[in-house]
Structures are given as structure tokens and as C-alpha cells.
Amino acid sequence: MGRLTSINPRSGEPVATVTTATVDGVGNAVERSREAFLEWSELSPRARRPYLKAYKRTVLANMDRIAAVVRSETGKAVADGYLSGVIPALNVMAFYTRSAEKLLRPRRGPAWPYLMVRSWTEYRPRGVAAVIAPYNAPFFVAMLGVDPLAARTEGSHM
């Protein structure tokens, strides 16, 4: 295992040092995530809502800490940690929690370019994904990869 030290770009001072994962550690984390995904993917959007509300409450309870970490890791003003990180992430969480059932329901429509053929689109969870967030918007961009109630693929059927 290696170690990675994050440096504050404003001061040049170390922010924190973390232990990096080994190849086996990453493999184990992915395997555990796949197991959890099987259970999660069987839940309806309505059944997922309490978990997402708890997730949102956790972010709300820790928003000052999150904004401070964003500031120390990016060099941005602390207000920017809120305005371009925590608050938009909370808005996205609220949107998906509120709108998931509507967004994820199957849809009927034409099968372009075959205008006389009817088709439908189903949304199904994709599975485990890695989210790589840029240094300048680490919290918000990471949340965009996590927030949807279910990562989904669109499949059209005729």
C-alpha cells in the first residue's frame, strides 16, 4: 500500500494523507459493491427514497465540513464550496428523490425511423461504476455520478 498526500494549492501545506488501495483492495471493493448492487437494483424507486433522504440528511449535517474540505483541496473560497459544490449536489439529490418514479417508468413511442412501428424504452440499473471527479469540482461532480436513484441504460424495443 502506498500513501497519497493532498496539498492545499493556496498554502502548499499538506491537507491530509491517505493510504492508497492495492489492486486486491480495489477488486474486493468492486466485488462488495456488486453484491450490494444486486440488492439495490431489486428495490423500486419508491423503496429507495428513504435511503436517499438519509443520504441527503447526512450531507446537510456535514455541509460545513464538506465545504471546508473542498476549500482546502481546491484552493477555492469557502463560499464556492457551498455554491458550486454542496448546494447544487443537494438540489440534484432532491430532484432525483422527488422525480425518480416518473423518470424511470417505461415509455412508449415511435421507433424512429420506423414511424409506423411502436416501441418502448425501459430503464434498468447498470451496476457498479467508478466516478472520477475533477479537482475543481470534486464534490458536485462525484455526486452527479452517484445521485440518480438508479444508473440506467436505455433500451428500445420494437
Protein backbone atom coordinates (compact mmCIF):
# COMPACT_ATOMS: atom_id res chain seq x y z
CA MET A 1 0.00 0.00 0.00
CA GLY A 2 1.14 3.47 -0.81
CA ARG A 3 0.33 6.83 0.68
CA LEU A 4 -1.04 9.92 -1.02
CA THR A 5 -0.78 13.40 0.45
CA SER A 6 -3.20 16.09 -0.66
CA ILE A 7 -1.65 19.56 -0.80
CA ASN A 8 -3.58 22.80 -0.33
CA PRO A 9 -2.92 24.77 -3.54
CA ARG A 10 -3.22 28.12 -1.72
CA SER A 11 -0.74 27.46 1.05
CA GLY A 12 1.30 24.50 -0.20
CA GLU A 13 0.63 22.82 3.16
CA PRO A 14 -0.45 19.16 3.41
CA VAL A 15 -4.21 18.74 3.91
CA ALA A 16 -4.27 15.03 4.68
CA THR A 17 -2.51 11.80 3.90
CA VAL A 18 -4.45 8.70 2.94
CA THR A 19 -3.50 5.12 2.28
CA THR A 20 -3.99 4.13 -1.35
CA ALA A 21 -5.73 0.91 -2.25
CA THR A 22 -3.95 -2.12 -3.59
CA VAL A 23 -5.14 -3.90 -6.72
CA ASP A 24 -6.65 -6.61 -4.48
CA GLY A 25 -8.29 -3.94 -2.30
CA VAL A 26 -9.94 -2.35 -5.33
CA GLY A 27 -11.07 -5.77 -6.54
CA ASN A 28 -12.59 -6.55 -3.14
CA ALA A 29 -14.39 -3.19 -3.04
CA VAL A 30 -15.82 -3.75 -6.53
CA GLU A 31 -16.99 -7.24 -5.56
CA ARG A 32 -18.72 -5.96 -2.40
CA SER A 33 -20.28 -3.16 -4.49
CA ARG A 34 -21.61 -5.70 -6.99
CA GLU A 35 -23.20 -7.68 -4.17
CA ALA A 36 -24.83 -4.53 -2.77
CA PHE A 37 -25.95 -3.55 -6.26
CA LEU A 38 -27.94 -6.78 -6.63
CA GLU A 39 -30.00 -5.88 -3.57
CA TRP A 40 -30.30 -2.20 -4.53
CA SER A 41 -31.39 -2.94 -8.10
CA GLU A 42 -34.33 -5.01 -6.81
CA LEU A 43 -35.72 -2.02 -4.91
CA SER A 44 -38.31 0.16 -6.61
CA PRO A 45 -37.65 3.91 -6.80
CA ARG A 46 -40.20 4.36 -4.02
CA ALA A 47 -38.38 1.85 -1.79
CA ARG A 48 -35.07 3.65 -2.42
CA ARG A 49 -36.45 7.02 -1.33
CA PRO A 50 -35.83 6.60 2.46
CA TYR A 51 -32.18 5.73 1.81
CA LEU A 52 -31.71 8.76 -0.40
CA LYS A 53 -33.39 11.01 2.12
CA ALA A 54 -30.99 9.70 4.78
CA TYR A 55 -28.10 10.33 2.38
CA LYS A 56 -29.31 13.91 1.89
CA ARG A 57 -29.63 14.43 5.65
CA THR A 58 -26.05 13.22 6.08
CA VAL A 59 -24.79 15.72 3.50
CA LEU A 60 -26.81 18.51 5.15
CA ALA A 61 -25.42 17.63 8.58
CA ASN A 62 -21.86 17.70 7.20
CA MET A 63 -22.09 20.54 4.68
CA ASP A 64 -19.73 22.83 6.60
CA ARG A 65 -17.13 20.10 6.78
CA ILE A 66 -17.59 19.24 3.10
CA ALA A 67 -17.21 22.89 2.05
CA ALA A 68 -14.06 23.17 4.18
CA VAL A 69 -12.55 20.08 2.57
CA VAL A 70 -13.39 21.39 -0.91
CA ARG A 71 -11.71 24.68 0.03
CA SER A 72 -8.57 23.01 1.37
CA GLU A 73 -8.27 20.63 -1.58
CA THR A 74 -9.02 23.10 -4.39
CA GLY A 75 -7.93 26.45 -3.01
CA LYS A 76 -11.38 27.92 -3.67
CA ALA A 77 -13.10 30.31 -1.30
CA VAL A 78 -15.24 28.51 1.28
CA ALA A 79 -18.37 30.11 -0.22
CA ASP A 80 -17.52 28.44 -3.52
CA GLY A 81 -17.52 25.08 -1.74
CA TYR A 82 -21.15 25.73 -0.91
CA LEU A 83 -22.24 27.47 -4.11
CA SER A 84 -20.54 25.22 -6.64
CA GLY A 85 -20.47 22.04 -4.58
CA VAL A 86 -22.75 21.30 -1.67
CA ILE A 87 -25.86 23.28 -2.63
CA PRO A 88 -26.08 22.06 -6.25
CA ALA A 89 -25.48 18.49 -5.02
CA LEU A 90 -28.36 18.84 -2.55
CA ASN A 91 -30.58 20.18 -5.34
CA VAL A 92 -29.73 17.21 -7.57
CA MET A 93 -30.42 14.80 -4.69
CA ALA A 94 -33.80 16.43 -4.08
CA PHE A 95 -34.67 16.28 -7.79
CA TYR A 96 -33.89 12.58 -8.15
CA THR A 97 -35.58 11.67 -4.88
CA ARG A 98 -38.72 13.51 -5.94
CA SER A 99 -38.76 12.56 -9.64
CA ALA A 100 -37.39 9.02 -9.83
CA GLU A 101 -40.67 7.18 -10.29
CA LYS A 102 -41.62 9.42 -13.21
CA LEU A 103 -38.14 9.40 -14.77
CA LEU A 104 -37.68 5.64 -14.56
CA ARG A 105 -41.06 4.41 -15.74
CA PRO A 106 -41.16 2.61 -19.12
CA ARG A 107 -42.03 4.86 -22.05
CA ARG A 108 -43.86 4.12 -25.29
CA GLY A 109 -43.17 5.94 -28.52
CA PRO A 110 -42.31 5.63 -32.21
CA ALA A 111 -39.23 3.68 -33.24
CA TRP A 112 -37.57 6.27 -35.43
CA PRO A 113 -37.02 5.98 -38.38
CA TYR A 114 -39.77 3.32 -38.49
CA LEU A 115 -42.65 5.68 -37.82
CA MET A 116 -45.34 3.01 -38.17
CA VAL A 117 -43.72 0.74 -35.58
CA ARG A 118 -44.38 1.20 -31.86
CA SER A 119 -41.61 0.68 -29.33
CA TRP A 120 -40.90 1.22 -25.64
CA THR A 121 -37.93 2.21 -23.56
CA GLU A 122 -37.10 0.58 -20.24
CA TYR A 123 -34.62 1.87 -17.69
CA ARG A 124 -32.52 -0.70 -15.91
CA PRO A 125 -29.69 -0.28 -13.40
CA ARG A 126 -26.24 -0.63 -14.96
CA GLY A 127 -24.21 -1.73 -11.98
CA VAL A 128 -21.00 -0.65 -10.34
CA ALA A 129 -19.23 2.39 -11.75
CA ALA A 130 -16.17 4.40 -10.82
CA VAL A 131 -16.59 8.16 -10.67
CA ILE A 132 -13.52 10.28 -11.33
CA ALA A 133 -14.21 13.86 -10.32
CA PRO A 134 -12.11 16.82 -11.44
CA TYR A 135 -10.07 18.66 -8.85
CA ASN A 136 -12.01 21.91 -9.32
CA ALA A 137 -15.48 20.46 -8.57
CA PRO A 138 -14.80 17.26 -6.66
CA PHE A 139 -17.93 17.01 -4.53
CA PHE A 140 -20.58 18.10 -7.01
CA VAL A 141 -19.29 16.09 -9.97
CA ALA A 142 -18.88 12.98 -7.80
CA MET A 143 -22.48 13.42 -6.63
CA LEU A 144 -23.70 13.64 -10.23
CA GLY A 145 -22.38 10.12 -10.70
CA VAL A 146 -23.96 8.85 -7.51
CA ASP A 147 -27.24 10.75 -7.15
CA PRO A 148 -29.56 9.15 -9.68
CA LEU A 149 -31.78 6.63 -7.95
CA ALA A 150 -30.53 4.05 -10.37
CA ALA A 151 -27.86 4.31 -13.02
CA ARG A 152 -29.75 3.20 -16.05
CA THR A 153 -29.41 2.11 -19.61
CA GLU A 154 -31.94 2.97 -22.22
CA GLY A 155 -33.08 0.06 -24.28
CA SER A 156 -35.59 0.49 -27.08
CA HIS A 157 -37.74 -2.47 -28.01
CA MET A 158 -39.91 -2.84 -31.09
